[in-house]
C-alpha atoms as a PDB file:
ATOM      1  CA  MET A   1      27.425 150.251 247.239  1.00  0.00           C
ATOM      2  CA  LYS A   2      29.417 147.904 249.457  1.00  0.00           C
ATOM      3  CA  ASP A   3      26.141 146.368 250.613  1.00  0.00           C
ATOM      4  CA  TRP A   4      25.654 145.021 247.069  1.00  0.00           C
ATOM      5  CA  LEU A   5      28.714 142.819 247.590  1.00  0.00           C
ATOM      6  CA  SER A   6      30.038 140.314 250.066  1.00  0.00           C
ATOM      7  CA  VAL A   7      33.575 139.340 250.950  1.00  0.00           C
ATOM      8  CA  GLN A   8      32.503 135.871 249.801  1.00  0.00           C
ATOM      9  CA  ASP A   9      32.469 137.208 246.230  1.00  0.00           C
ATOM     10  CA  TYR A  10      36.252 137.596 246.367  1.00  0.00           C
ATOM     11  CA  LEU A  11      37.464 134.541 248.257  1.00  0.00           C
ATOM     12  CA  TYR A  12      39.806 132.077 246.583  1.00  0.00           C
ATOM     13  CA  ASP A  13      39.609 128.313 246.398  1.00  0.00           C
ATOM     14  CA  VAL A  14      42.744 126.181 246.220  1.00  0.00           C
ATOM     15  CA  ARG A  15      42.107 125.750 242.485  1.00  0.00           C
ATOM     16  CA  ASP A  16      41.989 129.533 241.949  1.00  0.00           C
ATOM     17  CA  VAL A  17      45.444 130.507 243.217  1.00  0.00           C
ATOM     18  CA  GLY A  18      47.525 128.742 240.588  1.00  0.00           C
ATOM     19  CA  ASP A  19      50.594 126.585 241.083  1.00  0.00           C
ATOM     20  CA  TRP A  20      52.405 127.171 244.356  1.00  0.00           C
ATOM     21  CA  GLU A  21      54.403 123.914 244.385  1.00  0.00           C
ATOM     22  CA  GLY A  22      52.169 122.188 246.915  1.00  0.00           C
ATOM     23  CA  GLU A  23      51.401 125.303 248.981  1.00  0.00           C
ATOM     24  CA  GLU A  24      48.132 126.187 247.231  1.00  0.00           C
ATOM     25  CA  GLU A  25      46.021 125.612 250.352  1.00  0.00           C
ATOM     26  CA  LEU A  26      48.245 127.886 252.435  1.00  0.00           C
ATOM     27  CA  VAL A  27      48.140 130.613 249.786  1.00  0.00           C
ATOM     28  CA  ALA A  28      44.346 130.385 249.450  1.00  0.00           C
ATOM     29  CA  ASP A  29      43.956 130.536 253.236  1.00  0.00           C
ATOM     30  CA  ARG A  30      46.223 133.570 253.470  1.00  0.00           C
ATOM     31  CA  ILE A  31      44.623 135.608 250.699  1.00  0.00           C
ATOM     32  CA  ASN A  32      41.214 134.829 252.195  1.00  0.00           C
ATOM     33  CA  ALA A  33      42.391 135.899 255.661  1.00  0.00           C
ATOM     34  CA  ILE A  34      43.688 139.121 254.124  1.00  0.00           C
ATOM     35  CA  TYR A  35      40.379 139.782 252.368  1.00  0.00           C
ATOM     36  CA  HIS A  36      38.435 139.111 255.581  1.00  0.00           C
ATOM     37  CA  ALA A  37      40.656 141.590 257.453  1.00  0.00           C
ATOM     38  CA  VAL A  38      40.396 144.279 254.767  1.00  0.00           C
ATOM     39  CA  TRP A  39      36.645 143.988 254.148  1.00  0.00           C
ATOM     40  CA  PRO A  40      35.418 145.769 257.317  1.00  0.00           C
ATOM     41  CA  THR A  41      37.768 148.690 256.632  1.00  0.00           C
ATOM     42  CA  ILE A  42      36.259 149.444 253.218  1.00  0.00           C
ATOM     43  CA  PRO A  43      33.858 152.399 253.510  1.00  0.00           C
ATOM     44  CA  ASP A  44      30.183 151.476 253.110  1.00  0.00           C
ATOM     45  CA  ASP A  45      29.802 154.082 250.374  1.00  0.00           C
ATOM     46  CA  ALA A  46      32.716 152.706 248.321  1.00  0.00           C
ATOM     47  CA  SER A  47      31.709 151.953 244.755  1.00  0.00           C
ATOM     48  CA  VAL A  48      31.596 148.416 243.446  1.00  0.00           C
ATOM     49  CA  ALA A  49      34.275 149.371 240.912  1.00  0.00           C
ATOM     50  CA  LEU A  50      36.587 150.668 243.649  1.00  0.00           C
ATOM     51  CA  ILE A  51      36.137 147.528 245.721  1.00  0.00           C
ATOM     52  CA  ASP A  52      36.804 145.340 242.670  1.00  0.00           C
ATOM     53  CA  ARG A  53      39.977 147.289 241.870  1.00  0.00           C
ATOM     54  CA  LEU A  54      41.165 147.129 245.477  1.00  0.00           C
ATOM     55  CA  MET A  55      40.652 143.403 245.858  1.00  0.00           C
ATOM     56  CA  ARG A  56      42.241 142.697 242.489  1.00  0.00           C
ATOM     57  CA  ASP A  57      45.171 144.982 243.335  1.00  0.00           C
ATOM     58  CA  ILE A  58      45.856 143.188 246.611  1.00  0.00           C
ATOM     59  CA  TRP A  59      46.056 139.854 244.799  1.00  0.00           C
ATOM     60  CA  ASP A  60      48.116 141.365 241.964  1.00  0.00           C
ATOM     61  CA  GLN A  61      50.644 142.678 244.499  1.00  0.00           C
ATOM     62  CA  LEU A  62      51.011 139.287 246.192  1.00  0.00           C
ATOM     63  CA  ARG A  63      50.486 136.591 243.580  1.00  0.00           C
ATOM     64  CA  GLY A  64      53.607 134.783 242.531  1.00  0.00           C
ATOM     65  CA  SER A  65      55.558 136.263 245.427  1.00  0.00           C
ATOM     66  CA  GLU A  66      57.274 134.023 247.948  1.00  0.00           C
ATOM     67  CA  VAL A  67      56.116 136.462 250.620  1.00  0.00           C
ATOM     68  CA  MET A  68      52.748 134.665 250.552  1.00  0.00           C
ATOM     69  CA  ILE A  69      54.462 131.555 251.910  1.00  0.00           C
ATOM     70  CA  GLU A  70      57.398 132.969 253.851  1.00  0.00           C
ATOM     71  CA  ALA A  71      55.835 135.911 255.695  1.00  0.00           C
ATOM     72  CA  ASP A  72      53.790 135.613 258.843  1.00  0.00           C
ATOM     73  CA  GLU A  73      50.044 135.947 258.211  1.00  0.00           C
ATOM     74  CA  ASP A  74      49.838 138.909 260.611  1.00  0.00           C
ATOM     75  CA  GLU A  75      52.506 140.727 258.602  1.00  0.00           C
ATOM     76  CA  LEU A  76      50.568 140.109 255.395  1.00  0.00           C
ATOM     77  CA  VAL A  77      47.367 141.394 256.987  1.00  0.00           C
ATOM     78  CA  ASP A  78      49.128 144.496 258.347  1.00  0.00           C
ATOM     79  CA  TRP A  79      50.574 145.214 254.897  1.00  0.00           C
ATOM     80  CA  ALA A  80      47.173 144.704 253.251  1.00  0.00           C
ATOM     81  CA  LEU A  81      45.420 147.030 255.699  1.00  0.00           C
ATOM     82  CA  ALA A  82      47.971 149.790 255.099  1.00  0.00           C
ATOM     83  CA  HIS A  83      47.872 149.198 251.345  1.00  0.00           C
ATOM     84  CA  SER A  84      44.066 149.317 251.331  1.00  0.00           C
ATOM     85  CA  ARG A  85      43.928 152.602 253.244  1.00  0.00           C
ATOM     86  CA  GLN A  86      46.372 154.186 250.829  1.00  0.00           C
ATOM     87  CA  PHE A  87      44.617 152.711 247.781  1.00  0.00           C
ATOM     88  CA  ILE A  88      41.216 154.011 248.891  1.00  0.00           C
ATOM     89  CA  GLU A  89      42.619 157.457 249.697  1.00  0.00           C
ATOM     90  CA  GLN A  90      44.258 157.702 246.277  1.00  0.00           C
ATOM     91  CA  GLN A  91      41.560 156.158 244.127  1.00  0.00           C
ATOM     92  CA  GLY A  92      38.401 156.483 246.145  1.00  0.00           C
ATOM     93  CA  ALA A  93      37.924 160.236 246.167  1.00  0.00           C
ATOM     94  CA  PRO A  94      37.575 162.313 243.022  1.00  0.00           C
ATOM     95  CA  SER A  95      40.555 164.525 242.392  1.00  0.00           C
ATOM     96  CA  ASP A  96      40.334 168.289 242.802  1.00  0.00           C
ATOM     97  CA  ASP A  97      40.656 168.608 239.024  1.00  0.00           C
ATOM     98  CA  GLU A  98      37.506 166.542 238.501  1.00  0.00           C
ATOM     99  CA  ASP A  99      35.607 168.711 240.983  1.00  0.00           C
ATOM    100  CA  ASP A 100      36.808 171.855 239.191  1.00  0.00           C
ATOM    101  CA  GLU A 101      35.771 170.459 235.807  1.00  0.00           C
ATOM    102  CA  ASP A 102      32.302 169.658 237.147  1.00  0.00           C
ATOM    103  CA  ALA A 103      32.001 173.181 238.537  1.00  0.00           C
ATOM    104  CA  ASP A 104      33.131 174.639 235.203  1.00  0.00           C
ATOM    105  CA  ASP A 105      30.565 172.529 233.346  1.00  0.00           C
ATOM    106  CA  ASP A 106      27.828 173.699 235.707  1.00  0.00           C
ATOM    107  CA  ALA A 107      28.830 177.334 235.199  1.00  0.00           C
ATOM    108  CA  GLU A 108      28.777 176.883 231.410  1.00  0.00           C
ATOM    109  CA  ASP A 109      25.309 175.317 231.636  1.00  0.00           C
ATOM    110  CA  ASP A 110      24.077 178.318 233.638  1.00  0.00           C
ATOM    111  CA  ILE A 111      25.479 180.732 231.063  1.00  0.00           C
ATOM    112  CA  ASP A 112      23.945 178.814 228.157  1.00  0.00           C
ATOM    113  CA  GLU A 113      20.544 178.786 229.838  1.00  0.00           C
ATOM    114  CA  GLU A 114      20.699 182.540 230.463  1.00  0.00           C
ATOM    115  CA  GLU A 115      21.398 183.236 226.775  1.00  0.00           C
ATOM    116  CA  TYR A 116      18.158 181.594 225.698  1.00  0.00           C
END
C-alpha cells in the first residue's frame, strides 16, 4: 500500500506550519527532513491509513513545541525514527484479540454451514 503514496504527499510548505514567529521556514525544513528520514523505514505493506496516522502523529507530537527550533535536526530525526518504529509496532499489527475474534467467527461459520 505504501507504493500508492509518496513522501511528497506529506511535506509541508512554509504556509502550512502556522505561526512560528519568523521561524516558519526552519520548522518546515525540519518536519520535511524528519518525514524524508522516516519514509524509508515504513514497511512497504503498511496500509495507507497507518501511514496517514503515523505522519499526522509525528506532526501532532512536534507542532507548537519549541523543540522544533531549539533541538538539533539530528536529534529530531533520531526521535522520529524511534517514535515511528514504536508507533508501527503498536498500531501496525492486529492485536491477538482481533486474530482470536476472526478465528472464532470462522469456526462459527463452519458450524453454521454444517447444520444446513
